[in-house]
Protein backbone atom coordinates (compact mmCIF):
# COMPACT_ATOMS: atom_id res chain seq x y z
CA MET A 1 -125.55 1.88 13.64
CA LYS A 2 -128.75 0.40 12.54
CA GLY A 3 -127.49 0.15 8.97
CA LYS A 4 -124.39 -1.51 10.20
CA ILE A 5 -126.37 -3.85 12.27
CA LYS A 6 -128.52 -4.74 9.34
CA LYS A 7 -125.39 -5.37 7.27
CA GLN A 8 -124.13 -7.64 9.88
CA ASN A 9 -127.46 -9.48 10.05
CA ASN A 10 -127.38 -9.72 6.27
CA GLN A 11 -123.92 -11.20 6.60
CA LYS A 12 -125.16 -13.63 9.16
CA SER A 13 -128.07 -14.51 6.99
CA PHE A 14 -125.76 -14.91 4.00
CA TYR A 15 -123.50 -17.09 6.01
CA PHE A 16 -126.43 -19.19 7.03
CA GLU A 17 -127.56 -19.53 3.45
CA ASP A 18 -124.01 -20.51 2.48
CA TYR A 19 -124.06 -23.26 5.05
CA THR A 20 -127.35 -24.63 3.83
CA GLU A 21 -126.09 -24.75 0.24
CA SER A 22 -123.04 -26.77 1.37
CA GLU A 23 -125.34 -29.21 3.08
CA ILE A 24 -127.30 -29.64 -0.06
CA ASN A 25 -124.07 -30.35 -2.00
CA THR A 26 -123.17 -32.97 0.52
CA LYS A 27 -126.40 -34.74 0.10
CA SER A 28 -125.86 -34.66 -3.63
CA LYS A 29 -122.44 -36.30 -3.19
CA SER A 30 -123.97 -39.09 -0.97
CA SER A 31 -126.45 -40.01 -3.64
CA GLN A 32 -123.63 -40.27 -6.08
CA LEU A 33 -121.73 -42.59 -3.70
CA VAL A 34 -124.81 -44.80 -3.43
CA LYS A 35 -124.88 -45.05 -7.19
CA ILE A 36 -121.21 -46.05 -7.26
CA SER A 37 -121.76 -48.65 -4.53
CA LEU A 38 -124.56 -50.16 -6.52
CA SER A 39 -122.28 -50.33 -9.50
CA ARG A 40 -119.64 -52.24 -7.44
CA VAL A 41 -122.12 -54.71 -6.12
CA GLY A 42 -123.26 -55.34 -9.61
CA PHE A 43 -119.66 -55.92 -10.72
CA LEU A 44 -118.94 -58.33 -7.83
CA PHE A 45 -122.16 -60.18 -8.55
CA PHE A 46 -121.09 -60.52 -12.17
CA VAL A 47 -117.62 -61.81 -11.11
CA PHE A 48 -119.16 -64.43 -8.72
CA LEU A 49 -121.71 -65.50 -11.30
CA THR A 50 -118.87 -65.98 -13.82
CA LEU A 51 -116.84 -68.06 -11.40
CA ILE A 52 -119.86 -70.20 -10.62
CA PHE A 53 -120.42 -70.66 -14.22
CA ILE A 54 -116.82 -71.68 -14.79
CA PHE A 55 -116.81 -74.18 -11.96
CA SER A 56 -120.08 -75.62 -13.07
CA ILE A 57 -118.66 -76.32 -16.47
CA LYS A 58 -115.53 -77.84 -14.84
CA ILE A 59 -117.67 -80.16 -12.67
CA ILE A 60 -119.83 -81.25 -15.60
CA TYR A 61 -116.61 -81.86 -17.64
CA LEU A 62 -115.04 -83.98 -14.89
CA SER A 63 -118.23 -85.93 -14.40
CA LEU A 64 -118.20 -86.95 -18.01
CA TYR A 65 -114.64 -88.37 -17.69
CA PRO A 66 -114.50 -90.20 -14.27
CA GLU A 67 -111.63 -92.46 -15.32
CA LYS A 68 -109.21 -89.55 -15.27
CA ASP A 69 -108.11 -88.59 -11.78
CA PHE A 70 -106.68 -85.19 -12.66
CA PHE A 71 -105.92 -84.21 -9.08
CA LEU A 72 -104.27 -87.44 -7.94
CA GLU A 73 -102.56 -88.51 -11.14
CA LYS A 74 -99.51 -86.29 -10.55
CA ALA A 75 -99.44 -86.81 -6.82
CA ASN A 76 -99.49 -90.63 -7.17
CA LYS A 77 -96.30 -90.52 -9.20
CA ASN A 78 -94.49 -89.12 -6.13
CA PHE A 79 -95.71 -91.99 -3.95
CA LEU A 80 -95.45 -94.85 -6.45
CA LYS A 81 -93.13 -97.56 -5.24
CA ASP A 82 -90.27 -98.73 -7.52
CA ARG A 83 -90.78 -102.33 -6.40
CA GLY A 84 -93.56 -104.50 -4.97
CA ASP A 85 -93.61 -105.94 -1.45
CA ILE A 86 -92.74 -109.48 -0.48
CA ILE A 87 -94.76 -110.93 2.48
CA ASP A 88 -95.05 -114.28 4.21
CA ARG A 89 -98.08 -116.52 4.34
CA ASN A 90 -99.41 -114.61 7.36
CA GLY A 91 -98.99 -111.12 5.81
CA THR A 92 -95.71 -110.24 7.64
CA ILE A 93 -93.63 -107.85 5.56
CA LEU A 94 -90.31 -109.37 4.41
CA ALA A 95 -89.28 -106.72 1.90
CA ARG A 96 -90.64 -103.21 1.08
CA ASN A 97 -89.55 -100.03 -0.61
CA ILE A 98 -89.66 -96.83 1.49
CA ASP A 99 -88.44 -93.27 1.05
CA ILE A 100 -85.20 -92.67 2.92
CA TYR A 101 -82.94 -89.57 2.84
CA SER A 102 -79.27 -89.47 2.18
CA ALA A 103 -76.92 -86.54 2.99
CA ALA A 104 -74.65 -85.27 0.31
CA VAL A 105 -72.24 -82.29 -0.08
CA ARG A 106 -71.65 -79.79 -2.81
CA PRO A 107 -68.01 -78.77 -1.97
CA LYS A 108 -68.20 -75.50 -4.04
CA LEU A 109 -70.88 -74.18 -1.76
CA VAL A 110 -68.79 -74.68 1.39
CA LYS A 111 -67.43 -71.28 2.38
CA ASN A 112 -65.39 -72.23 5.36
CA LYS A 113 -64.21 -75.88 5.15
CA GLU A 114 -62.60 -75.88 8.62
CA LYS A 115 -65.78 -74.68 10.23
CA PHE A 116 -67.87 -77.03 8.16
CA LEU A 117 -65.79 -80.02 9.29
CA LEU A 118 -65.95 -78.86 12.94
CA ASN A 119 -69.71 -78.68 12.86
CA LEU A 120 -69.90 -82.15 11.33
CA ARG A 121 -67.67 -83.57 14.05
CA ILE A 122 -69.89 -82.11 16.73
CA ALA A 123 -73.15 -83.33 15.14
CA PHE A 124 -71.80 -86.68 13.85
CA PRO A 125 -68.67 -87.76 15.78
CA GLN A 126 -68.89 -91.28 14.15
CA LEU A 127 -68.17 -89.92 10.65
CA ASN A 128 -64.65 -90.25 9.23
CA SER A 129 -63.49 -86.58 9.14
CA ASN A 130 -60.29 -87.22 7.26
CA GLU A 131 -62.16 -89.01 4.46
CA ILE A 132 -64.66 -86.10 4.23
CA LYS A 133 -61.84 -83.55 4.17
CA LYS A 134 -60.23 -85.26 1.21
CA LYS A 135 -63.47 -85.29 -0.68
CA LEU A 136 -64.15 -81.62 0.12
CA ASN A 137 -60.77 -80.75 -1.45
CA GLY A 138 -61.80 -82.71 -4.60
CA ASN A 139 -64.63 -80.30 -5.25
CA LYS A 140 -66.92 -83.07 -6.54
CA PHE A 141 -70.41 -83.88 -5.24
CA PHE A 142 -70.29 -86.69 -2.74
CA TYR A 143 -72.39 -88.49 -0.18
CA ILE A 144 -71.60 -88.13 3.52
CA LYS A 145 -74.11 -90.71 4.75
CA LYS A 146 -76.76 -92.81 3.04
CA ARG A 147 -79.97 -94.15 4.54
CA LEU A 148 -80.39 -91.62 7.32
CA THR A 149 -82.47 -92.17 10.40
CA GLU A 150 -85.07 -89.54 11.24
CA ASP A 151 -82.76 -88.10 13.96
CA GLU A 152 -79.80 -87.94 11.57
CA LYS A 153 -81.88 -86.27 8.91
CA THR A 154 -83.01 -83.60 11.45
CA ASN A 155 -79.47 -82.94 12.60
CA PHE A 156 -78.27 -82.41 9.08
CA TRP A 157 -81.15 -80.03 8.47
CA LEU A 158 -80.51 -78.12 11.67
CA MET A 159 -76.88 -77.43 10.48
CA GLY A 160 -78.53 -74.96 8.06
CA ASN A 161 -75.74 -75.22 5.53
CA LYS A 162 -76.61 -74.80 1.90
CA ALA A 163 -73.80 -77.09 0.86
CA ILE A 164 -75.62 -80.07 2.47
CA VAL A 165 -78.16 -81.74 0.20
CA LEU A 166 -80.82 -83.96 1.73
CA GLU A 167 -81.63 -86.32 -1.17
CA LYS A 168 -84.80 -88.47 -1.05
CA LYS A 169 -84.61 -91.86 -2.64
CA GLN A 170 -86.36 -95.08 -2.35
CA PHE A 171 -84.53 -97.95 -0.50
CA ARG A 172 -85.41 -101.58 -0.09
CA ILE A 173 -85.71 -102.57 3.56
CA TYR A 174 -85.91 -106.00 5.06
CA PRO A 175 -87.55 -105.79 8.52
CA GLN A 176 -86.59 -109.42 9.30
CA LYS A 177 -82.93 -108.74 8.74
CA TYR A 178 -81.08 -112.14 8.73
CA LEU A 179 -84.15 -114.36 8.82
CA PHE A 180 -84.74 -114.87 5.05
CA SER A 181 -81.41 -113.72 3.61
CA HIS A 182 -80.82 -116.80 1.45
CA ILE A 183 -84.33 -116.72 0.08
CA LEU A 184 -84.99 -113.07 -0.57
CA GLY A 185 -81.53 -112.20 -1.83
CA GLN A 186 -80.46 -108.58 -2.65
CA ILE A 187 -80.89 -105.71 -5.08
CA ASP A 188 -78.28 -103.26 -6.40
CA ASP A 189 -78.34 -99.44 -6.27
CA ASP A 190 -80.23 -99.39 -9.52
CA ASN A 191 -83.17 -101.30 -8.07
CA THR A 192 -82.29 -104.50 -9.94
CA GLY A 193 -82.42 -107.87 -8.20
CA ILE A 194 -79.00 -109.59 -8.07
CA SER A 195 -79.77 -112.74 -6.04
CA GLY A 196 -82.55 -114.83 -4.50
CA LEU A 197 -86.19 -114.08 -5.07
CA GLU A 198 -85.30 -110.39 -5.77
CA LYS A 199 -83.56 -111.64 -8.93
CA PHE A 200 -85.90 -114.48 -9.84
CA LEU A 201 -88.94 -112.22 -9.70
CA ASP A 202 -87.14 -109.00 -10.69
CA ALA A 203 -89.45 -108.23 -13.72
CA ASP A 204 -92.63 -108.97 -11.81
CA LEU A 205 -91.70 -106.93 -8.78
CA LYS A 206 -91.16 -103.86 -11.05
CA ARG A 207 -94.27 -104.22 -13.27
CA LYS A 208 -96.67 -101.23 -12.89
CA GLU A 209 -99.72 -103.42 -12.64
CA PHE A 210 -98.09 -105.56 -9.99
CA ILE A 211 -96.19 -102.90 -7.99
CA ASN A 212 -98.94 -102.07 -5.52
CA SER A 213 -99.70 -105.68 -4.70
CA SER A 214 -97.46 -108.23 -2.85
CA VAL A 215 -95.66 -111.45 -3.64
CA ILE A 216 -96.96 -113.98 -1.06
CA LEU A 217 -94.62 -116.66 0.05
CA THR A 218 -95.45 -120.00 1.56
CA LEU A 219 -92.93 -119.37 4.36
CA ASP A 220 -93.98 -118.71 7.92
CA SER A 221 -91.85 -116.13 9.83
CA ASN A 222 -92.65 -117.71 13.25
CA LEU A 223 -91.56 -121.14 12.17
CA GLN A 224 -88.45 -119.69 10.42
CA HIS A 225 -87.48 -117.95 13.70
CA LEU A 226 -87.90 -120.92 15.87
CA ILE A 227 -85.93 -123.23 13.54
CA ARG A 228 -83.14 -120.73 13.09
CA GLU A 229 -82.83 -120.29 16.86
CA GLU A 230 -82.32 -124.05 17.31
CA LEU A 231 -79.64 -124.18 14.59
CA ILE A 232 -77.79 -121.33 16.26
CA LYS A 233 -77.87 -123.26 19.57
CA ALA A 234 -76.66 -126.32 17.67
CA GLU A 235 -73.70 -124.27 16.38
CA LYS A 236 -72.64 -123.61 19.98
CA ASN A 237 -73.37 -127.11 21.28
CA PHE A 238 -71.69 -129.05 18.46
CA ASP A 239 -69.18 -126.45 17.13
CA THR A 240 -70.49 -126.56 13.57
CA VAL A 241 -69.19 -124.45 10.64
CA GLY A 242 -72.71 -124.17 9.19
CA SER A 243 -76.11 -125.80 9.24
CA ALA A 244 -79.45 -125.85 7.39
CA ALA A 245 -83.05 -126.99 7.82
CA LEU A 246 -86.05 -127.30 5.57
CA LEU A 247 -89.73 -127.72 6.67
CA MET A 248 -92.19 -128.70 3.93
CA ASN A 249 -95.81 -129.81 3.41
CA ILE A 250 -95.31 -133.20 1.66
CA ASP A 251 -98.79 -133.08 -0.03
CA ASN A 252 -98.47 -129.80 -1.98
CA GLY A 253 -94.74 -129.03 -1.69
CA GLU A 254 -95.22 -125.67 0.17
CA VAL A 255 -91.95 -124.85 1.88
CA LEU A 256 -92.86 -123.41 5.33
CA SER A 257 -89.25 -122.73 6.41
CA LEU A 258 -85.86 -122.75 4.73
CA VAL A 259 -82.87 -121.78 6.82
CA SER A 260 -79.16 -121.82 5.89
CA LEU A 261 -76.40 -120.72 8.26
CA PRO A 262 -74.30 -118.62 8.27
CA ASP A 263 -76.63 -115.95 7.00
CA TYR A 264 -76.34 -112.13 6.74
CA ASP A 265 -78.32 -108.92 7.32
CA LEU A 266 -80.03 -107.96 4.05
CA ASN A 267 -80.14 -104.30 5.06
CA LYS A 268 -76.40 -104.12 4.83
CA ARG A 269 -75.58 -104.35 1.12
CA ILE A 270 -72.43 -106.33 1.05
CA SER A 271 -70.70 -108.58 -1.51
CA ILE A 272 -71.22 -112.25 -0.54
CA LYS A 273 -68.49 -114.31 -2.11
CA ASP A 274 -67.39 -116.82 0.60
CA ASP A 275 -68.67 -120.35 -0.09
CA MET A 276 -69.83 -120.67 3.53
CA TYR A 277 -72.76 -118.32 2.65
CA THR A 278 -73.99 -120.80 0.02
CA ASN A 279 -77.69 -121.70 0.29
CA LYS A 280 -76.98 -125.12 1.57
CA ILE A 281 -80.58 -126.48 0.96
CA THR A 282 -80.95 -125.46 -2.67
CA LYS A 283 -77.41 -124.83 -3.96
CA GLY A 284 -75.30 -127.20 -1.94
CA VAL A 285 -74.45 -130.54 -3.62
CA TYR A 286 -73.40 -133.25 -1.13
CA GLU A 287 -72.85 -136.93 -0.45
CA LEU A 288 -75.53 -137.41 2.22
CA GLY A 289 -74.80 -140.90 3.44
CA SER A 290 -77.28 -143.35 4.99
CA VAL A 291 -80.39 -141.28 4.21
CA PHE A 292 -80.14 -143.08 0.82
CA LYS A 293 -80.73 -146.43 2.44
CA THR A 294 -84.47 -145.57 2.49
CA PHE A 295 -84.43 -145.37 -1.32
CA THR A 296 -82.64 -148.74 -1.52
CA LEU A 297 -85.37 -150.36 0.66
CA ALA A 298 -88.07 -148.67 -1.37
CA ALA A 299 -86.53 -149.88 -4.58
CA GLY A 300 -86.56 -153.41 -3.22
CA LEU A 301 -90.19 -153.20 -2.18
CA GLU A 302 -91.29 -151.49 -5.43
CA THR A 303 -89.55 -154.13 -7.60
CA LYS A 304 -91.04 -156.82 -5.27
CA VAL A 305 -87.66 -158.59 -4.83
CA ILE A 306 -88.09 -158.16 -1.05
CA ASP A 307 -90.69 -157.39 1.58
CA SER A 308 -90.22 -155.99 5.10
CA ASN A 309 -89.56 -159.48 6.52
CA THR A 310 -87.12 -160.72 3.95
CA MET A 311 -84.13 -162.12 5.82
CA PHE A 312 -80.52 -161.51 4.87
CA ASN A 313 -78.33 -164.03 6.66
CA ASN A 314 -74.54 -164.19 7.27
CA LEU A 315 -73.91 -160.53 6.57
CA GLU A 316 -70.21 -159.78 6.44
CA ASP A 317 -68.52 -157.23 8.76
CA LYS A 318 -66.78 -155.74 5.73
CA ILE A 319 -66.45 -156.22 1.97
CA PHE A 320 -64.04 -154.86 -0.61
CA CYS A 321 -64.86 -153.19 -3.87
CA ALA A 322 -62.15 -151.99 -6.33
CA GLY A 323 -59.61 -152.44 -3.42
CA ARG A 324 -61.59 -150.18 -1.06
CA LYS A 325 -63.01 -151.48 2.20
CA ILE A 326 -66.70 -151.05 3.04
CA SER A 327 -67.64 -151.81 6.62
CA GLU A 328 -70.36 -151.28 9.16
CA HIS A 329 -70.48 -148.11 11.32
CA ASP A 330 -71.06 -150.25 14.44
CA ARG A 331 -71.12 -153.96 15.41
CA LEU A 332 -74.39 -155.44 14.11
CA PRO A 333 -76.00 -158.89 14.12
CA LYS A 334 -75.11 -161.24 11.23
CA ASN A 335 -78.76 -161.95 10.36
CA LEU A 336 -81.16 -158.98 9.66
CA SER A 337 -84.48 -158.58 8.04
CA ALA A 338 -84.93 -155.91 5.34
CA GLU A 339 -86.75 -153.75 7.90
CA GLN A 340 -83.97 -154.20 10.42
CA ILE A 341 -81.34 -153.17 7.83
CA LEU A 342 -83.02 -149.79 7.61
CA ILE A 343 -83.73 -149.44 11.39
CA ARG A 344 -80.09 -150.30 12.37
CA SER A 345 -78.65 -148.63 9.22
CA SER A 346 -76.58 -151.51 8.00
CA ASN A 347 -74.25 -150.65 5.11
CA ILE A 348 -73.57 -154.25 4.11
CA GLY A 349 -77.35 -155.07 4.29
CA ALA A 350 -78.13 -152.08 1.99
CA ILE A 351 -75.56 -153.37 -0.51
CA ARG A 352 -77.22 -156.78 -0.53
CA ILE A 353 -80.66 -155.28 -1.26
CA ALA A 354 -79.34 -153.12 -4.10
CA GLN A 355 -77.62 -156.13 -5.63
CA LYS A 356 -80.85 -158.05 -5.38
CA VAL A 357 -82.71 -155.20 -7.18
CA GLY A 358 -80.07 -155.03 -9.94
CA MET A 359 -78.27 -152.03 -11.39
CA GLU A 360 -80.73 -151.12 -14.05
CA LYS A 361 -83.89 -151.27 -11.95
CA TYR A 362 -82.14 -149.55 -9.08
CA LYS A 363 -80.92 -146.71 -11.33
CA ASP A 364 -84.38 -146.35 -12.82
CA PHE A 365 -85.96 -146.11 -9.44
CA LEU A 366 -83.58 -143.32 -8.26
CA ASN A 367 -84.12 -141.50 -11.58
CA SER A 368 -87.93 -141.63 -11.12
CA LEU A 369 -87.34 -139.63 -7.93
CA GLU A 370 -85.32 -137.09 -9.95
CA LEU A 371 -82.44 -137.08 -7.50
CA PHE A 372 -79.76 -136.40 -10.16
CA LYS A 373 -81.22 -133.80 -12.47
CA THR A 374 -81.27 -130.04 -11.79
CA ILE A 375 -84.45 -129.23 -9.84
CA ASP A 376 -86.91 -126.61 -11.17
CA PHE A 377 -87.32 -124.24 -8.22
CA ASP A 378 -88.33 -120.59 -7.45
CA LEU A 379 -84.65 -119.44 -7.10
CA GLU A 380 -81.76 -119.30 -9.51
CA GLU A 381 -79.45 -120.60 -6.80
CA VAL A 382 -79.94 -124.27 -7.29
CA GLY A 383 -77.25 -126.94 -7.49
CA THR A 384 -76.75 -129.72 -10.10
CA PRO A 385 -75.78 -133.11 -8.77
CA LEU A 386 -72.33 -134.33 -10.01
CA PRO A 387 -72.36 -136.77 -12.83
CA PHE A 388 -71.14 -140.32 -12.34
CA THR A 389 -70.83 -143.61 -14.15
CA TRP A 390 -72.76 -146.67 -13.02
CA GLY A 391 -70.85 -149.87 -12.24
CA LYS A 392 -70.79 -152.66 -9.64
CA CYS A 393 -68.98 -150.58 -7.10
CA LYS A 394 -71.14 -147.58 -7.71
CA LEU A 395 -74.18 -149.71 -7.15
CA ALA A 396 -72.65 -150.87 -3.87
CA THR A 397 -71.68 -147.45 -2.53
CA SER A 398 -74.80 -145.58 -3.76
CA SER A 399 -76.98 -148.06 -1.79
CA PHE A 400 -75.82 -146.39 1.42
CA GLY A 401 -75.35 -142.89 -0.02
CA HIS A 402 -71.64 -142.62 -0.76
CA GLY A 403 -70.05 -141.75 -4.06
CA ILE A 404 -73.36 -140.18 -5.13
CA THR A 405 -74.55 -136.60 -4.72
CA THR A 406 -77.69 -134.58 -4.69
CA THR A 407 -79.05 -131.37 -3.04
CA PRO A 408 -80.91 -131.43 0.27
CA LEU A 409 -83.94 -129.96 -1.51
CA GLN A 410 -84.04 -132.90 -3.94
CA LEU A 411 -83.54 -135.31 -1.09
CA ALA A 412 -86.56 -133.77 0.74
CA ARG A 413 -88.70 -133.99 -2.45
CA ALA A 414 -87.81 -137.73 -2.83
CA TYR A 415 -88.79 -138.41 0.78
CA ALA A 416 -92.01 -136.45 0.36
CA ILE A 417 -92.97 -138.69 -2.51
CA LEU A 418 -92.27 -141.81 -0.42
CA GLY A 419 -94.19 -140.36 2.50
CA ASN A 420 -97.31 -138.96 0.79
CA GLY A 421 -98.54 -142.13 -0.79
CA GLY A 422 -96.14 -142.04 -3.69
CA TYR A 423 -97.39 -138.93 -5.52
CA GLU A 424 -95.20 -136.45 -7.43
CA VAL A 425 -94.68 -133.16 -5.58
CA GLU A 426 -92.83 -130.01 -6.52
CA PRO A 427 -91.38 -127.87 -3.71
CA THR A 428 -92.25 -124.14 -3.88
CA ILE A 429 -91.82 -121.00 -1.85
CA LEU A 430 -94.47 -119.04 -3.81
CA GLN A 431 -97.96 -119.31 -2.53
CA LYS A 432 -100.27 -120.60 -5.23
CA ARG A 433 -103.49 -122.65 -5.46
CA ILE A 434 -102.77 -126.30 -5.92
CA SER A 435 -105.59 -128.55 -6.99
CA PHE A 436 -105.39 -132.32 -6.67
CA SER A 437 -106.89 -134.30 -9.53
CA ASP A 438 -106.97 -137.81 -10.91
CA GLU A 439 -104.08 -136.83 -13.16
CA ARG A 440 -101.68 -136.42 -10.31
CA LYS A 441 -98.64 -138.51 -11.22
CA LYS A 442 -97.97 -141.58 -9.20
CA ILE A 443 -94.29 -142.40 -8.70
CA VAL A 444 -94.36 -145.08 -6.05
CA SER A 445 -97.13 -147.45 -5.00
CA SER A 446 -99.21 -146.77 -1.89
CA LYS A 447 -98.15 -150.09 -0.52
CA THR A 448 -94.46 -149.20 -0.66
CA SER A 449 -95.22 -145.76 0.80
CA ASP A 450 -96.99 -147.27 3.80
CA ALA A 451 -94.25 -149.81 4.42
CA ILE A 452 -91.50 -147.06 4.32
CA ASN A 453 -93.46 -144.83 6.71
CA SER A 454 -93.78 -147.73 9.16
CA MET A 455 -90.06 -148.48 8.90
CA LEU A 456 -89.07 -144.81 9.44
CA ARG A 457 -91.29 -144.68 12.55
CA LYS A 458 -89.35 -147.69 13.96
CA VAL A 459 -86.00 -146.00 13.22
CA VAL A 460 -87.09 -143.32 15.72
CA ALA A 461 -89.28 -145.32 18.13
CA ASN A 462 -87.42 -148.66 18.50
CA LYS A 463 -84.63 -148.94 21.05
CA GLU A 464 -82.17 -150.28 18.36
CA GLY A 465 -83.07 -147.48 15.96
CA THR A 466 -80.52 -144.70 15.28
CA ALA A 467 -82.83 -141.66 15.87
CA ASN A 468 -84.31 -142.09 19.41
CA PHE A 469 -83.72 -138.48 20.38
CA ALA A 470 -86.41 -137.39 17.85
CA ASN A 471 -89.07 -139.54 19.48
CA ILE A 472 -91.01 -136.57 20.85
CA ASN A 473 -94.12 -137.77 22.65
CA GLY A 474 -97.35 -137.19 20.68
CA TYR A 475 -95.93 -136.39 17.24
CA GLU A 476 -95.37 -139.90 15.74
CA VAL A 477 -91.99 -138.82 14.20
CA GLY A 478 -90.31 -141.18 11.70
CA GLY A 479 -87.08 -140.55 9.97
CA LYS A 480 -83.66 -141.61 8.81
CA THR A 481 -80.13 -140.58 9.83
CA GLY A 482 -77.16 -139.97 7.54
CA THR A 483 -73.52 -139.50 8.35
CA ALA A 484 -71.12 -138.81 5.49
CA LEU A 485 -67.45 -138.01 5.38
CA LYS A 486 -66.76 -134.89 3.44
CA SER A 487 -64.76 -135.18 0.22
CA ILE A 488 -62.35 -132.33 -0.44
CA ASP A 489 -60.55 -132.32 -3.76
CA GLY A 490 -61.63 -135.88 -4.28
CA ILE A 491 -60.16 -137.13 -0.97
CA TYR A 492 -62.33 -138.18 1.93
CA THR A 493 -61.54 -136.49 5.17
CA GLU A 494 -62.56 -137.08 8.81
CA LYS A 495 -64.85 -133.99 8.56
CA LYS A 496 -68.51 -135.02 8.62
CA LEU A 497 -71.76 -133.81 7.07
CA ASN A 498 -74.61 -135.09 9.17
CA THR A 499 -78.24 -135.25 8.11
CA PHE A 500 -81.56 -136.29 9.64
CA ILE A 501 -84.77 -136.22 7.59
CA SER A 502 -88.10 -136.88 9.25
CA LEU A 503 -91.76 -137.23 8.45
CA PHE A 504 -94.65 -136.69 10.95
CA PRO A 505 -97.10 -137.88 11.99
CA THR A 506 -96.26 -141.17 10.29
CA SER A 507 -99.83 -142.54 10.60
CA LYS A 508 -100.77 -139.84 8.12
CA PRO A 509 -97.64 -137.89 7.10
CA LYS A 510 -98.05 -134.23 6.40
CA TYR A 511 -94.79 -132.53 7.19
CA LEU A 512 -91.22 -133.17 6.48
CA LEU A 513 -88.27 -131.69 8.40
CA LEU A 514 -84.69 -131.98 7.17
CA VAL A 515 -81.82 -130.92 9.39
CA MET A 516 -78.18 -130.76 8.30
CA LEU A 517 -75.12 -129.97 10.39
CA ASP A 518 -71.82 -129.20 8.69
CA GLU A 519 -68.73 -130.52 10.45
CA PRO A 520 -70.27 -131.08 13.88
CA LYS A 521 -67.80 -131.98 16.64
CA PRO A 522 -68.19 -134.39 19.63
CA ALA A 523 -69.97 -132.65 22.46
CA PRO A 524 -68.71 -134.24 25.69
CA ASN A 525 -70.11 -131.38 27.84
CA PHE A 526 -73.60 -131.63 26.28
CA VAL A 527 -76.24 -133.30 28.44
CA TYR A 528 -78.28 -135.80 26.31
CA GLU A 529 -81.82 -136.41 27.60
CA PHE A 530 -83.33 -139.75 26.54
CA PRO A 531 -87.13 -140.11 26.06
CA ASN A 532 -87.24 -142.35 29.19
CA GLY A 533 -85.81 -139.49 31.31
CA TYR A 534 -82.24 -140.82 31.50
CA LYS A 535 -79.52 -138.20 31.07
CA HIS A 536 -76.05 -138.80 29.61
CA LYS A 537 -72.94 -136.65 29.46
CA GLY A 538 -69.52 -137.25 28.09
CA GLU A 539 -70.34 -138.57 24.64
CA LYS A 540 -67.52 -138.55 22.18
CA ARG A 541 -69.32 -139.74 19.13
CA ASN A 542 -70.44 -137.23 16.54
CA THR A 543 -72.57 -139.32 14.19
CA SER A 544 -75.96 -137.98 13.02
CA GLY A 545 -77.89 -139.76 15.81
CA TRP A 546 -75.88 -137.75 18.44
CA ASN A 547 -76.41 -134.28 16.94
CA THR A 548 -78.82 -133.69 13.99
CA VAL A 549 -81.46 -135.99 15.63
CA VAL A 550 -81.20 -134.01 18.84
CA VAL A 551 -81.63 -130.76 17.01
CA ALA A 552 -84.57 -132.05 14.94
CA GLY A 553 -86.27 -133.27 18.20
CA LYS A 554 -85.98 -129.78 19.77
CA ILE A 555 -87.31 -128.18 16.59
CA ILE A 556 -90.37 -130.47 16.34
CA GLU A 557 -91.10 -129.77 20.05
CA LYS A 558 -91.15 -126.06 19.35
CA ILE A 559 -92.97 -125.94 16.00
CA GLY A 560 -95.52 -128.73 16.74
CA PRO A 561 -98.15 -126.46 18.41
CA ILE A 562 -97.95 -123.96 15.51
CA LEU A 563 -98.53 -126.81 13.04
CA ALA A 564 -101.53 -127.84 15.11
CA ILE A 565 -100.42 -131.48 15.51
CA ASN A 566 -99.54 -131.42 19.16
CA ASN A 567 -101.60 -134.58 19.75
CA LEU A 568 -102.58 -137.55 17.57
CA GLN A 569 -106.24 -136.75 17.60
CA ALA A 570 -105.53 -133.27 16.20
CA SER A 571 -103.06 -134.64 13.61
CA LYS A 572 -105.62 -137.05 12.17
CA LYS A 573 -107.91 -134.17 11.30
CA PHE A 574 -105.41 -132.75 8.82
């Protein structure tokens, strides 16, 4: 028993010894793991040290070449515009390129055409399903809708159909829509200008060095809006087929507003072929009527054959030239001074002054105002006055603006020269620095300019003048009316083209406003408000004094505060 017990004790003791050995082995393994961990730390330290070294070299390399923006160079290509912005003088955006999505379809990827069409009808009921169905059967890539709104883009994306492709492309947008259509023009799908400034400045707008800057115009969106609104009202009041207006600084030629109606939304790319959409200010070539009488008076003053008080006695009611009758528009006194001839707009009186000046001198004077040559302007859409041959009858008719043509823009430039002291001026819609120097070309004497300004003021202010409705209190408006019969295929019709051109304030002219109404009708239901407060209704005449002058007066009333000449004290500071 004892031996057995000892054996068991020995076994216990052996077992214990075995356990202790195992423990020792475990400790040995732990020390091995510590060594391995230290090796891993060393390896990671080496890796991090290597990375730090690499980045340090990269930073040093980039610092040596700061002109190369490696990170943004590729990214910028994705955001680079295809065309520069156009803005007005106040920074208002008139034209800009933005990224817009279009939805297209790859018919070969459409598994179930009926289901596809059904889903389209549900999401976009306005789309033409029949047209889309035909194109689906054609198995050619086609666009469902271009220039998507954000909601439309989301709806196409939510359809989750692989056949629908959302294609991103740059589009030209015009936030002002109709407001500058005749000036800005349009571009085609290849980003090429096809009309207006978009065509005239096409190369500049696409130049890389210019693309992130803006073309700044002399135009003012606020003035443009107010003038356009008054022309739209005139269309309703006088049933016109079209109209136009031009507002210009007569000292530097900056065009502040240029409107021609009808106009169109530039965001809807459509082909404009109808003549009624012609830019009437720059492209239209017209006989403009009695507004030419101002040039006749100026020619007489400049050649010194008359002065303002020169009397013309026993003026006929009518005369004949080449078998055609020339008469007065209204019953006028037989004896009129040169000044009264302009104020009362006498046709016969204008002829007598032109005859006194003589054909050669009169022709030279009109040519000095460049009324008959093609004007150099910032648009390709400019008209060329029709050629004609001078003769005795042409001298007579041209003296009161018939049988002789020009563009409204050239008419405005000529009036600007007469109003600004006689200095040459070039109209522009591109903002640029203009410096006045001693070399500024003098076309007309200051004495003639002052006399003409005084007469134009009386045309508006005097009771016998033809433009009383433009006599807006506090603005010193001066101007001249013109009523011309339209010639169609060489035959004069009863349709009229009425013009009123004004300068203000006449004590020191700064602005010119030209208003033209195409085929205005009598407005018997229109209530005319005279400066003295008297109201008149039932008028059947449709000469310039009864429509364009009214419109011009309304415009000046609206834009005067913006031009900061709402009183004479303020105007004299400019």
